[in-house]
Amino acid sequence: MMSWRGIAGGIAAAKQHHDVTMTPSNFMYFDYYQGEPYNEPVAIGGLLTLEKVYSYEPVPAELTADEAVYIKGVQANVWSEFIHSAEKVEYMTLPRAAAMAEVAWTPARLKNWEGFKDRMETQYQRYDAMGINYSKSAYNVWQTVKTDAATKQATITLTTNSARPEIHYTTDSTEPTLTSPVYKAPFRHVRRPSSNRLLLRMVSR
């Protein structure tokens, strides 16, 4: 059986000694967005980043060793309601298929997200050499903001799904360029009486 509406069905089937392919939609539906929708081609919805695909463990912890043998593998799905060309299939599939391959073939104890990101830099060069229209959404910048009401400060962290990113940013609403400050570590923003917002713009390469 295939477990696509979460993992509960796969767990129940394995406990009954049925062969199972794990393909939960929140980890294995490659027709979902790979980044913020305003940066991506139109998709059916959802959000499934490269990091999230890589984080998936197909053998549920709820299974015993004897039951776990019935988890036969994983499957990714690329439904085509919003995909009308081979080039967009490539875009939606790669590099997430590379992450799925490690999910399927690498024991959980040997998986390493930082190592995977580093190796993908070489894989991207292979995609380029082959003329593949792969997604570069791994270079998109994500921001995390933690606020402290007492001090009226916000700590801002910038990340990407790529190895050793060079992130340039501005805090004055201007477009960042390669001469803009380079992000080195989380930084603080102090809320001023005249404004409670920070307009942050970012670009990575």
N, C-alpha and C. Protein backbone atom coordinates (compact mmCIF):
# COMPACT_ATOMS: atom_id res chain seq x y z
N MET A 1 0.84 -1.18 0.00
CA MET A 1 0.00 0.00 0.00
C MET A 1 0.88 1.24 0.00
N MET A 2 0.26 2.37 -0.35
CA MET A 2 0.96 3.65 -0.38
C MET A 2 0.37 4.54 0.71
N SER A 3 1.25 5.13 1.51
CA SER A 3 0.80 6.01 2.58
C SER A 3 1.09 7.44 2.18
N TRP A 4 0.06 8.15 1.71
CA TRP A 4 0.26 9.52 1.24
C TRP A 4 -0.47 10.55 2.09
N ARG A 5 -1.50 10.17 2.80
CA ARG A 5 -2.16 11.10 3.70
C ARG A 5 -1.52 10.97 5.09
N GLY A 6 -0.29 11.45 5.17
CA GLY A 6 0.47 11.29 6.40
C GLY A 6 1.11 9.90 6.45
N ILE A 7 1.47 9.47 7.67
CA ILE A 7 2.18 8.21 7.82
C ILE A 7 1.38 7.16 8.59
N ALA A 8 0.24 7.55 9.14
CA ALA A 8 -0.53 6.62 9.98
C ALA A 8 -0.94 5.38 9.22
N GLY A 9 -1.36 5.54 7.96
CA GLY A 9 -1.77 4.39 7.17
C GLY A 9 -0.62 3.43 6.93
N GLY A 10 0.56 3.98 6.70
CA GLY A 10 1.73 3.13 6.49
C GLY A 10 2.09 2.36 7.74
N ILE A 11 1.99 3.01 8.89
CA ILE A 11 2.28 2.33 10.16
C ILE A 11 1.30 1.19 10.38
N ALA A 12 0.02 1.46 10.18
CA ALA A 12 -1.00 0.43 10.40
C ALA A 12 -0.79 -0.75 9.45
N ALA A 13 -0.45 -0.46 8.19
CA ALA A 13 -0.26 -1.53 7.22
C ALA A 13 0.96 -2.38 7.56
N ALA A 14 2.06 -1.73 7.95
CA ALA A 14 3.28 -2.48 8.30
C ALA A 14 3.04 -3.36 9.52
N LYS A 15 2.27 -2.88 10.48
CA LYS A 15 1.98 -3.68 11.66
C LYS A 15 1.15 -4.92 11.30
N GLN A 16 0.43 -4.85 10.16
CA GLN A 16 -0.34 -6.00 9.68
C GLN A 16 0.46 -6.81 8.65
N HIS A 17 1.74 -6.48 8.51
CA HIS A 17 2.66 -7.20 7.62
C HIS A 17 2.31 -7.05 6.15
N HIS A 18 1.89 -5.85 5.77
CA HIS A 18 1.70 -5.50 4.35
C HIS A 18 2.89 -4.66 3.90
N ASP A 19 3.32 -4.86 2.65
CA ASP A 19 4.39 -4.03 2.11
C ASP A 19 3.90 -2.60 1.92
N VAL A 20 4.78 -1.64 2.23
CA VAL A 20 4.38 -0.24 2.24
C VAL A 20 5.38 0.62 1.49
N THR A 21 4.85 1.54 0.67
CA THR A 21 5.65 2.62 0.09
C THR A 21 5.24 3.91 0.79
N MET A 22 6.20 4.60 1.38
CA MET A 22 5.91 5.83 2.10
C MET A 22 6.02 7.02 1.15
N THR A 23 4.94 7.77 1.05
CA THR A 23 4.92 8.94 0.17
C THR A 23 4.04 10.04 0.75
N PRO A 24 4.25 10.41 2.02
CA PRO A 24 3.38 11.43 2.65
C PRO A 24 3.48 12.76 1.93
N SER A 25 2.34 13.38 1.75
CA SER A 25 2.28 14.59 0.92
C SER A 25 3.13 15.72 1.48
N ASN A 26 3.27 15.83 2.79
CA ASN A 26 4.01 16.96 3.35
C ASN A 26 5.53 16.79 3.22
N PHE A 27 5.99 15.64 2.72
CA PHE A 27 7.42 15.44 2.47
C PHE A 27 7.74 15.00 1.05
N MET A 28 6.78 14.44 0.32
CA MET A 28 7.08 13.78 -0.94
C MET A 28 6.25 14.26 -2.12
N TYR A 29 5.59 15.41 -1.99
CA TYR A 29 4.81 15.94 -3.11
C TYR A 29 5.59 17.08 -3.76
N PHE A 30 6.23 16.77 -4.86
CA PHE A 30 7.13 17.73 -5.50
C PHE A 30 6.39 18.73 -6.40
N ASP A 31 5.05 18.69 -6.38
CA ASP A 31 4.30 19.76 -7.05
C ASP A 31 4.02 20.90 -6.07
N TYR A 32 4.52 20.81 -4.85
CA TYR A 32 4.40 21.89 -3.88
C TYR A 32 5.49 22.95 -4.13
N TYR A 33 5.25 24.14 -3.62
CA TYR A 33 6.25 25.20 -3.72
C TYR A 33 7.55 24.80 -3.03
N GLN A 34 8.67 25.32 -3.56
CA GLN A 34 9.97 25.06 -2.96
C GLN A 34 10.46 26.24 -2.12
N GLY A 35 9.81 27.37 -2.28
CA GLY A 35 10.16 28.58 -1.54
C GLY A 35 8.94 29.47 -1.45
N GLU A 36 9.16 30.71 -1.03
CA GLU A 36 8.04 31.65 -0.95
C GLU A 36 7.38 31.77 -2.32
N PRO A 37 6.06 31.69 -2.38
CA PRO A 37 5.37 31.69 -3.68
C PRO A 37 5.72 32.87 -4.58
N TYR A 38 6.02 34.04 -4.01
CA TYR A 38 6.34 35.19 -4.86
C TYR A 38 7.68 35.03 -5.58
N ASN A 39 8.48 34.03 -5.16
CA ASN A 39 9.75 33.76 -5.83
C ASN A 39 9.68 32.56 -6.77
N GLU A 40 8.52 31.90 -6.84
CA GLU A 40 8.43 30.61 -7.51
C GLU A 40 7.38 30.61 -8.63
N PRO A 41 7.52 29.68 -9.58
CA PRO A 41 6.45 29.48 -10.56
C PRO A 41 5.18 29.02 -9.84
N VAL A 42 4.03 29.25 -10.46
CA VAL A 42 2.76 28.87 -9.85
C VAL A 42 2.74 27.36 -9.60
N ALA A 43 2.33 26.99 -8.38
CA ALA A 43 2.23 25.59 -8.00
C ALA A 43 0.88 25.34 -7.36
N ILE A 44 0.63 24.09 -7.01
CA ILE A 44 -0.69 23.74 -6.48
C ILE A 44 -0.88 24.25 -5.06
N GLY A 45 0.21 24.54 -4.36
CA GLY A 45 0.12 25.01 -2.98
C GLY A 45 1.13 24.28 -2.12
N GLY A 46 1.02 24.44 -0.81
CA GLY A 46 1.94 23.79 0.09
C GLY A 46 3.34 24.38 0.03
N LEU A 47 4.21 23.90 0.89
CA LEU A 47 5.61 24.35 0.91
C LEU A 47 6.47 23.16 1.27
N LEU A 48 7.41 22.83 0.40
CA LEU A 48 8.29 21.69 0.62
C LEU A 48 9.69 22.06 0.17
N THR A 49 10.51 22.50 1.12
CA THR A 49 11.86 22.93 0.80
C THR A 49 12.79 21.72 0.65
N LEU A 50 13.96 21.98 0.11
CA LEU A 50 14.97 20.93 -0.02
C LEU A 50 15.32 20.36 1.35
N GLU A 51 15.47 21.22 2.34
CA GLU A 51 15.81 20.76 3.68
C GLU A 51 14.73 19.87 4.27
N LYS A 52 13.48 20.21 4.02
CA LYS A 52 12.40 19.41 4.58
C LYS A 52 12.37 18.03 3.95
N VAL A 53 12.58 17.94 2.64
CA VAL A 53 12.64 16.62 1.99
C VAL A 53 13.74 15.79 2.64
N TYR A 54 14.91 16.40 2.81
CA TYR A 54 16.05 15.67 3.36
C TYR A 54 15.80 15.22 4.79
N SER A 55 14.99 15.95 5.52
CA SER A 55 14.75 15.63 6.94
C SER A 55 13.85 14.42 7.14
N TYR A 56 13.21 13.95 6.09
CA TYR A 56 12.22 12.88 6.25
C TYR A 56 12.89 11.55 6.56
N GLU A 57 12.33 10.81 7.51
CA GLU A 57 12.77 9.45 7.82
C GLU A 57 11.62 8.50 7.52
N PRO A 58 11.77 7.65 6.48
CA PRO A 58 10.63 6.83 6.03
C PRO A 58 10.25 5.67 6.94
N VAL A 59 11.14 5.27 7.84
CA VAL A 59 10.80 4.16 8.74
C VAL A 59 10.33 4.74 10.07
N PRO A 60 9.04 4.71 10.34
CA PRO A 60 8.51 5.34 11.55
C PRO A 60 9.05 4.70 12.82
N ALA A 61 9.29 5.52 13.82
CA ALA A 61 9.81 5.04 15.10
C ALA A 61 8.82 4.13 15.81
N GLU A 62 7.54 4.22 15.44
CA GLU A 62 6.52 3.41 16.09
C GLU A 62 6.61 1.92 15.73
N LEU A 63 7.39 1.57 14.73
CA LEU A 63 7.48 0.18 14.27
C LEU A 63 8.62 -0.56 14.96
N THR A 64 8.38 -1.82 15.24
CA THR A 64 9.45 -2.67 15.74
C THR A 64 10.38 -3.04 14.58
N ALA A 65 11.51 -3.65 14.89
CA ALA A 65 12.45 -4.06 13.84
C ALA A 65 11.79 -5.05 12.88
N ASP A 66 10.97 -5.95 13.41
CA ASP A 66 10.29 -6.92 12.55
C ASP A 66 9.26 -6.25 11.66
N GLU A 67 8.60 -5.24 12.17
CA GLU A 67 7.59 -4.53 11.38
C GLU A 67 8.23 -3.60 10.36
N ALA A 68 9.39 -3.05 10.70
CA ALA A 68 10.04 -2.06 9.83
C ALA A 68 10.44 -2.64 8.48
N VAL A 69 10.63 -3.95 8.39
CA VAL A 69 11.05 -4.55 7.11
C VAL A 69 9.97 -4.42 6.05
N TYR A 70 8.75 -4.11 6.46
CA TYR A 70 7.66 -3.97 5.49
C TYR A 70 7.63 -2.57 4.87
N ILE A 71 8.45 -1.65 5.35
CA ILE A 71 8.60 -0.35 4.69
C ILE A 71 9.60 -0.55 3.56
N LYS A 72 9.11 -0.60 2.34
CA LYS A 72 9.94 -0.98 1.20
C LYS A 72 10.66 0.20 0.55
N GLY A 73 10.20 1.41 0.81
CA GLY A 73 10.86 2.55 0.21
C GLY A 73 9.97 3.78 0.20
N VAL A 74 10.42 4.78 -0.56
CA VAL A 74 9.69 6.04 -0.67
C VAL A 74 9.37 6.32 -2.13
N GLN A 75 8.43 7.21 -2.33
CA GLN A 75 8.06 7.65 -3.68
C GLN A 75 7.75 9.13 -3.64
N ALA A 76 8.28 9.86 -4.61
CA ALA A 76 7.93 11.28 -4.78
C ALA A 76 6.89 11.39 -5.88
N ASN A 77 6.03 12.38 -5.75
CA ASN A 77 4.95 12.58 -6.71
C ASN A 77 5.02 13.97 -7.31
N VAL A 78 4.85 14.05 -8.61
CA VAL A 78 4.87 15.33 -9.33
C VAL A 78 3.57 15.41 -10.14
N TRP A 79 2.51 15.84 -9.49
CA TRP A 79 1.23 15.98 -10.19
C TRP A 79 1.28 17.21 -11.09
N SER A 80 0.58 17.13 -12.22
CA SER A 80 0.84 18.10 -13.30
C SER A 80 -0.27 19.13 -13.53
N GLU A 81 -1.15 19.35 -12.53
CA GLU A 81 -2.19 20.36 -12.75
C GLU A 81 -1.61 21.73 -13.12
N PHE A 82 -0.45 22.07 -12.55
CA PHE A 82 0.16 23.36 -12.81
C PHE A 82 1.51 23.21 -13.52
N ILE A 83 1.74 22.05 -14.11
CA ILE A 83 3.00 21.77 -14.80
C ILE A 83 2.69 21.39 -16.23
N HIS A 84 3.11 22.23 -17.17
CA HIS A 84 2.70 22.03 -18.56
C HIS A 84 3.88 21.91 -19.53
N SER A 85 5.06 21.61 -18.99
CA SER A 85 6.22 21.43 -19.87
C SER A 85 7.23 20.54 -19.18
N ALA A 86 8.08 19.92 -19.99
CA ALA A 86 9.14 19.08 -19.44
C ALA A 86 10.12 19.92 -18.61
N GLU A 87 10.33 21.16 -19.03
CA GLU A 87 11.26 22.02 -18.31
C GLU A 87 10.76 22.30 -16.89
N LYS A 88 9.44 22.47 -16.74
CA LYS A 88 8.93 22.73 -15.39
C LYS A 88 8.94 21.46 -14.54
N VAL A 89 8.79 20.31 -15.19
CA VAL A 89 8.94 19.05 -14.44
C VAL A 89 10.34 18.97 -13.85
N GLU A 90 11.34 19.32 -14.66
CA GLU A 90 12.71 19.33 -14.16
C GLU A 90 12.86 20.29 -13.00
N TYR A 91 12.29 21.47 -13.16
CA TYR A 91 12.39 22.50 -12.12
C TYR A 91 11.78 22.02 -10.80
N MET A 92 10.61 21.39 -10.88
CA MET A 92 9.93 20.97 -9.67
C MET A 92 10.58 19.73 -9.04
N THR A 93 11.24 18.93 -9.85
CA THR A 93 11.79 17.67 -9.37
C THR A 93 13.19 17.81 -8.80
N LEU A 94 14.01 18.61 -9.45
CA LEU A 94 15.42 18.72 -9.06
C LEU A 94 15.71 20.08 -8.43
N PRO A 95 16.44 20.12 -7.34
CA PRO A 95 17.24 19.05 -6.73
C PRO A 95 16.53 18.23 -5.66
N ARG A 96 15.22 18.40 -5.48
CA ARG A 96 14.56 17.67 -4.40
C ARG A 96 14.67 16.17 -4.56
N ALA A 97 14.75 15.69 -5.82
CA ALA A 97 14.91 14.25 -6.04
C ALA A 97 16.24 13.74 -5.49
N ALA A 98 17.26 14.59 -5.49
CA ALA A 98 18.55 14.20 -4.91
C ALA A 98 18.41 13.99 -3.41
N ALA A 99 17.65 14.87 -2.75
CA ALA A 99 17.41 14.71 -1.32
C ALA A 99 16.60 13.45 -1.05
N MET A 100 15.60 13.18 -1.90
CA MET A 100 14.79 11.98 -1.73
C MET A 100 15.64 10.73 -1.88
N ALA A 101 16.61 10.75 -2.80
CA ALA A 101 17.47 9.59 -3.01
C ALA A 101 18.24 9.25 -1.74
N GLU A 102 18.74 10.26 -1.05
CA GLU A 102 19.46 9.99 0.20
C GLU A 102 18.51 9.53 1.29
N VAL A 103 17.29 10.05 1.29
CA VAL A 103 16.30 9.58 2.25
C VAL A 103 16.06 8.09 2.07
N ALA A 104 16.02 7.65 0.80
CA ALA A 104 15.72 6.26 0.50
C ALA A 104 16.91 5.33 0.72
N TRP A 105 18.10 5.80 0.40
CA TRP A 105 19.26 4.90 0.34
C TRP A 105 20.23 5.03 1.51
N THR A 106 20.12 6.09 2.31
CA THR A 106 21.10 6.32 3.37
C THR A 106 20.48 6.04 4.73
N PRO A 107 21.13 5.20 5.54
CA PRO A 107 20.62 4.98 6.89
C PRO A 107 20.55 6.30 7.66
N ALA A 108 19.54 6.42 8.50
CA ALA A 108 19.31 7.68 9.21
C ALA A 108 20.56 8.12 9.98
N ARG A 109 21.31 7.19 10.54
CA ARG A 109 22.48 7.56 11.35
C ARG A 109 23.61 8.15 10.52
N LEU A 110 23.57 7.96 9.19
CA LEU A 110 24.62 8.46 8.32
C LEU A 110 24.23 9.73 7.57
N LYS A 111 22.97 10.12 7.69
CA LYS A 111 22.54 11.33 7.01
C LYS A 111 23.16 12.56 7.65
N ASN A 112 23.52 13.54 6.83
CA ASN A 112 24.14 14.75 7.33
C ASN A 112 23.75 15.90 6.42
N TRP A 113 22.88 16.78 6.92
CA TRP A 113 22.35 17.87 6.11
C TRP A 113 23.45 18.81 5.64
N GLU A 114 24.39 19.14 6.51
CA GLU A 114 25.46 20.04 6.12
C GLU A 114 26.33 19.41 5.03
N GLY A 115 26.62 18.13 5.17
CA GLY A 115 27.40 17.44 4.15
C GLY A 115 26.66 17.35 2.83
N PHE A 116 25.35 17.12 2.90
CA PHE A 116 24.54 17.05 1.68
C PHE A 116 24.56 18.39 0.94
N LYS A 117 24.37 19.48 1.67
CA LYS A 117 24.40 20.80 1.03
C LYS A 117 25.73 21.04 0.33
N ASP A 118 26.81 20.63 0.97
CA ASP A 118 28.13 20.82 0.39
C ASP A 118 28.29 20.00 -0.89
N ARG A 119 27.86 18.76 -0.87
CA ARG A 119 27.97 17.91 -2.06
C ARG A 119 27.06 18.37 -3.19
N MET A 120 25.95 19.01 -2.85
CA MET A 120 25.04 19.48 -3.88
C MET A 120 25.65 20.59 -4.74
N GLU A 121 26.62 21.32 -4.20
CA GLU A 121 27.27 22.35 -5.02
C GLU A 121 27.92 21.73 -6.26
N THR A 122 28.50 20.54 -6.11
CA THR A 122 29.06 19.81 -7.26
C THR A 122 27.93 19.27 -8.13
N GLN A 123 26.87 18.80 -7.50
CA GLN A 123 25.74 18.27 -8.27
C GLN A 123 25.11 19.35 -9.14
N TYR A 124 25.03 20.57 -8.64
CA TYR A 124 24.48 21.66 -9.45
C TYR A 124 25.34 21.88 -10.70
N GLN A 125 26.63 21.73 -10.57
CA GLN A 125 27.50 21.86 -11.74
C GLN A 125 27.21 20.77 -12.77
N ARG A 126 26.89 19.57 -12.29
CA ARG A 126 26.51 18.50 -13.21
C ARG A 126 25.20 18.83 -13.92
N TYR A 127 24.23 19.34 -13.16
CA TYR A 127 22.96 19.74 -13.79
C TYR A 127 23.21 20.79 -14.87
N ASP A 128 24.06 21.78 -14.56
CA ASP A 128 24.38 22.82 -15.54
C ASP A 128 24.99 22.22 -16.79
N ALA A 129 25.93 21.31 -16.62
CA ALA A 129 26.61 20.70 -17.77
C ALA A 129 25.65 19.90 -18.63
N MET A 130 24.61 19.35 -18.02
CA MET A 130 23.62 18.55 -18.75
C MET A 130 22.48 19.40 -19.31
N GLY A 131 22.48 20.70 -19.00
CA GLY A 131 21.42 21.57 -19.50
C GLY A 131 20.09 21.35 -18.83
N ILE A 132 20.09 20.91 -17.58
CA ILE A 132 18.86 20.63 -16.85
C ILE A 132 18.32 21.91 -16.22
N ASN A 133 17.02 22.10 -16.32
CA ASN A 133 16.37 23.30 -15.77
C ASN A 133 16.00 23.06 -14.30
N TYR A 134 17.01 22.90 -13.46
CA TYR A 134 16.76 22.61 -12.05
C TYR A 134 16.44 23.89 -11.28
N SER A 135 15.79 23.73 -10.14
CA SER A 135 15.44 24.87 -9.30
C SER A 135 16.67 25.34 -8.52
N LYS A 136 16.81 26.66 -8.42
CA LYS A 136 17.86 27.25 -7.60
C LYS A 136 17.28 27.85 -6.32
N SER A 137 16.11 27.34 -5.93
CA SER A 137 15.42 27.85 -4.74
C SER A 137 16.21 27.62 -3.46
N ALA A 138 17.17 26.70 -3.49
CA ALA A 138 17.99 26.47 -2.30
C ALA A 138 18.78 27.70 -1.92
N TYR A 139 18.97 28.62 -2.86
CA TYR A 139 19.71 29.85 -2.58
C TYR A 139 18.80 30.97 -2.07
N ASN A 140 17.50 30.75 -2.07
CA ASN A 140 16.60 31.77 -1.52
C ASN A 140 16.89 31.97 -0.04
N VAL A 141 16.73 33.20 0.42
CA VAL A 141 17.04 33.54 1.81
C VAL A 141 15.77 33.49 2.66
N TRP A 142 15.89 32.82 3.80
CA TRP A 142 14.80 32.75 4.77
C TRP A 142 15.20 33.54 6.01
N GLN A 143 14.24 34.20 6.59
CA GLN A 143 14.53 34.95 7.81
C GLN A 143 13.71 34.42 8.99
N THR A 144 14.35 34.38 10.14
CA THR A 144 13.69 34.02 11.39
C THR A 144 13.86 35.19 12.34
N VAL A 145 12.75 35.62 12.94
CA VAL A 145 12.78 36.78 13.84
C VAL A 145 12.30 36.36 15.22
N LYS A 146 13.14 36.63 16.23
CA LYS A 146 12.76 36.40 17.62
C LYS A 146 12.70 37.75 18.31
N THR A 147 11.57 38.04 18.91
CA THR A 147 11.37 39.36 19.52
C THR A 147 11.45 39.29 21.05
N ASP A 148 11.90 40.38 21.63
CA ASP A 148 11.96 40.52 23.08
C ASP A 148 11.16 41.77 23.43
N ALA A 149 9.96 41.55 23.97
CA ALA A 149 9.07 42.67 24.26
C ALA A 149 9.65 43.61 25.30
N ALA A 150 10.41 43.05 26.24
CA ALA A 150 10.95 43.88 27.32
C ALA A 150 11.96 44.90 26.81
N THR A 151 12.84 44.45 25.90
CA THR A 151 13.88 45.35 25.39
C THR A 151 13.49 45.99 24.06
N LYS A 152 12.33 45.58 23.52
CA LYS A 152 11.88 46.08 22.23
C LYS A 152 12.91 45.82 21.12
N GLN A 153 13.56 44.65 21.23
CA GLN A 153 14.54 44.25 20.24
C GLN A 153 14.09 42.99 19.52
N ALA A 154 14.53 42.87 18.28
CA ALA A 154 14.29 41.67 17.50
C ALA A 154 15.63 41.13 17.03
N THR A 155 15.84 39.83 17.19
CA THR A 155 17.04 39.17 16.69
C THR A 155 16.69 38.47 15.38
N ILE A 156 17.42 38.81 14.34
CA ILE A 156 17.10 38.34 12.99
C ILE A 156 18.19 37.38 12.51
N THR A 157 17.75 36.20 12.09
CA THR A 157 18.65 35.19 11.57
C THR A 157 18.31 34.94 10.10
N LEU A 158 19.32 34.89 9.24
CA LEU A 158 19.14 34.65 7.81
C LEU A 158 19.77 33.32 7.44
N THR A 159 19.04 32.51 6.69
CA THR A 159 19.56 31.20 6.28
C THR A 159 19.14 30.90 4.86
N THR A 160 19.83 29.93 4.26
CA THR A 160 19.43 29.38 2.97
C THR A 160 19.54 27.86 3.06
N ASN A 161 19.13 27.16 2.01
CA ASN A 161 19.30 25.72 1.92
C ASN A 161 20.54 25.36 1.11
N SER A 162 21.49 26.29 1.00
CA SER A 162 22.70 26.06 0.23
C SER A 162 23.92 26.08 1.15
N ALA A 163 25.03 25.59 0.64
CA ALA A 163 26.27 25.55 1.41
C ALA A 163 27.03 26.86 1.27
N ARG A 164 27.54 27.36 2.39
CA ARG A 164 28.39 28.55 2.42
C ARG A 164 27.80 29.72 1.62
N PRO A 165 26.57 30.10 1.89
CA PRO A 165 25.96 31.19 1.12
C PRO A 165 26.60 32.53 1.43
N GLU A 166 26.62 33.39 0.44
CA GLU A 166 27.03 34.78 0.65
C GLU A 166 25.77 35.62 0.56
N ILE A 167 25.30 36.07 1.71
CA ILE A 167 24.03 36.79 1.79
C ILE A 167 24.32 38.28 1.99
N HIS A 168 23.82 39.10 1.08
CA HIS A 168 23.91 40.55 1.22
C HIS A 168 22.53 41.07 1.62
N TYR A 169 22.49 42.08 2.48
CA TYR A 169 21.19 42.56 2.95
C TYR A 169 21.24 44.07 3.19
N THR A 170 20.06 44.65 3.21
CA THR A 170 19.92 46.05 3.59
C THR A 170 18.76 46.17 4.57
N THR A 171 18.76 47.23 5.34
CA THR A 171 17.67 47.49 6.30
C THR A 171 17.00 48.83 6.06
N ASP A 172 17.28 49.43 4.90
CA ASP A 172 16.73 50.77 4.62
C ASP A 172 15.79 50.77 3.42
N SER A 173 15.30 49.60 3.06
CA SER A 173 14.33 49.38 1.97
C SER A 173 14.94 49.45 0.58
N THR A 174 16.24 49.69 0.46
CA THR A 174 16.89 49.69 -0.85
C THR A 174 17.21 48.26 -1.27
N GLU A 175 17.33 48.06 -2.58
CA GLU A 175 17.67 46.74 -3.08
C GLU A 175 19.13 46.43 -2.75
N PRO A 176 19.41 45.25 -2.20
CA PRO A 176 20.80 44.90 -1.90
C PRO A 176 21.59 44.63 -3.17
N THR A 177 22.87 44.94 -3.12
CA THR A 177 23.79 44.65 -4.21
C THR A 177 24.99 43.92 -3.62
N LEU A 178 25.96 43.62 -4.47
CA LEU A 178 27.14 42.91 -3.99
C LEU A 178 28.03 43.79 -3.12
N THR A 179 27.71 45.08 -3.05
CA THR A 179 28.45 45.97 -2.15
C THR A 179 27.71 46.21 -0.83
N SER A 180 26.50 45.64 -0.70
CA SER A 180 25.74 45.76 0.55
C SER A 180 26.39 44.90 1.63
N PRO A 181 26.07 45.15 2.89
CA PRO A 181 26.66 44.36 3.97
C PRO A 181 26.45 42.86 3.77
N VAL A 182 27.46 42.09 4.15
CA VAL A 182 27.39 40.63 4.07
C VAL A 182 26.95 40.08 5.43
N TYR A 183 25.95 39.22 5.41
CA TYR A 183 25.46 38.63 6.66
C TYR A 183 26.50 37.68 7.23
N LYS A 184 26.85 37.89 8.49
CA LYS A 184 27.83 37.05 9.17
C LYS A 184 27.23 36.26 10.33
N ALA A 185 26.27 36.86 11.01
CA ALA A 185 25.69 36.25 12.20
C ALA A 185 24.36 36.94 12.49
N PRO A 186 23.50 36.34 13.32
CA PRO A 186 22.25 37.00 13.69
C PRO A 186 22.52 38.41 14.23
N PHE A 187 21.64 39.35 13.85
CA PHE A 187 21.82 40.73 14.31
C PHE A 187 20.54 41.23 14.93
N ARG A 188 20.67 42.32 15.69
CA ARG A 188 19.53 42.85 16.42
C ARG A 188 19.01 44.13 15.76
N HIS A 189 17.70 44.29 15.87
CA HIS A 189 17.04 45.52 15.41
C HIS A 189 16.27 46.08 16.59
N VAL A 190 16.46 47.36 16.86
CA VAL A 190 15.76 48.02 17.96
C VAL A 190 14.57 48.77 17.41
N ARG A 191 13.39 48.52 17.96
CA ARG A 191 12.18 49.21 17.51
C ARG A 191 12.19 50.64 18.01
N ARG A 192 12.03 51.55 17.10
CA ARG A 192 12.00 52.97 17.45
C ARG A 192 10.57 53.43 17.64
N PRO A 193 10.35 54.47 18.42
CA PRO A 193 8.99 54.95 18.66
C PRO A 193 8.23 55.29 17.39
N SER A 194 8.94 55.73 16.37
CA SER A 194 8.26 56.16 15.14
C SER A 194 7.90 54.99 14.23
N SER A 195 8.40 53.82 14.55
CA SER A 195 8.14 52.69 13.66
C SER A 195 8.26 51.38 14.42
N ASN A 196 7.40 50.42 14.11
CA ASN A 196 7.53 49.09 14.71
C ASN A 196 7.82 48.04 13.64
N ARG A 197 8.30 48.50 12.48
CA ARG A 197 8.59 47.57 11.39
C ARG A 197 10.02 47.74 10.91
N LEU A 198 10.58 46.64 10.42
CA LEU A 198 11.87 46.65 9.77
C LEU A 198 11.69 46.09 8.37
N LEU A 199 12.03 46.87 7.36
CA LEU A 199 11.95 46.40 6.00
C LEU A 199 13.32 45.84 5.62
N LEU A 200 13.37 44.53 5.52
CA LEU A 200 14.64 43.86 5.27
C LEU A 200 14.62 43.26 3.88
N ARG A 201 15.67 43.53 3.10
CA ARG A 201 15.80 42.95 1.77
C ARG A 201 17.08 42.13 1.74
N MET A 202 17.03 40.98 1.02
CA MET A 202 18.15 40.06 1.05
C MET A 202 18.38 39.48 -0.34
N VAL A 203 19.61 39.11 -0.61
CA VAL A 203 19.97 38.40 -1.84
C VAL A 203 21.16 37.51 -1.51
N SER A 204 21.20 36.32 -2.11
CA SER A 204 22.32 35.41 -1.87
C SER A 204 22.89 34.93 -3.19
N ARG A 205 24.11 34.44 -3.12
CA ARG A 205 24.72 33.84 -4.30
C ARG A 205 25.63 32.71 -3.88
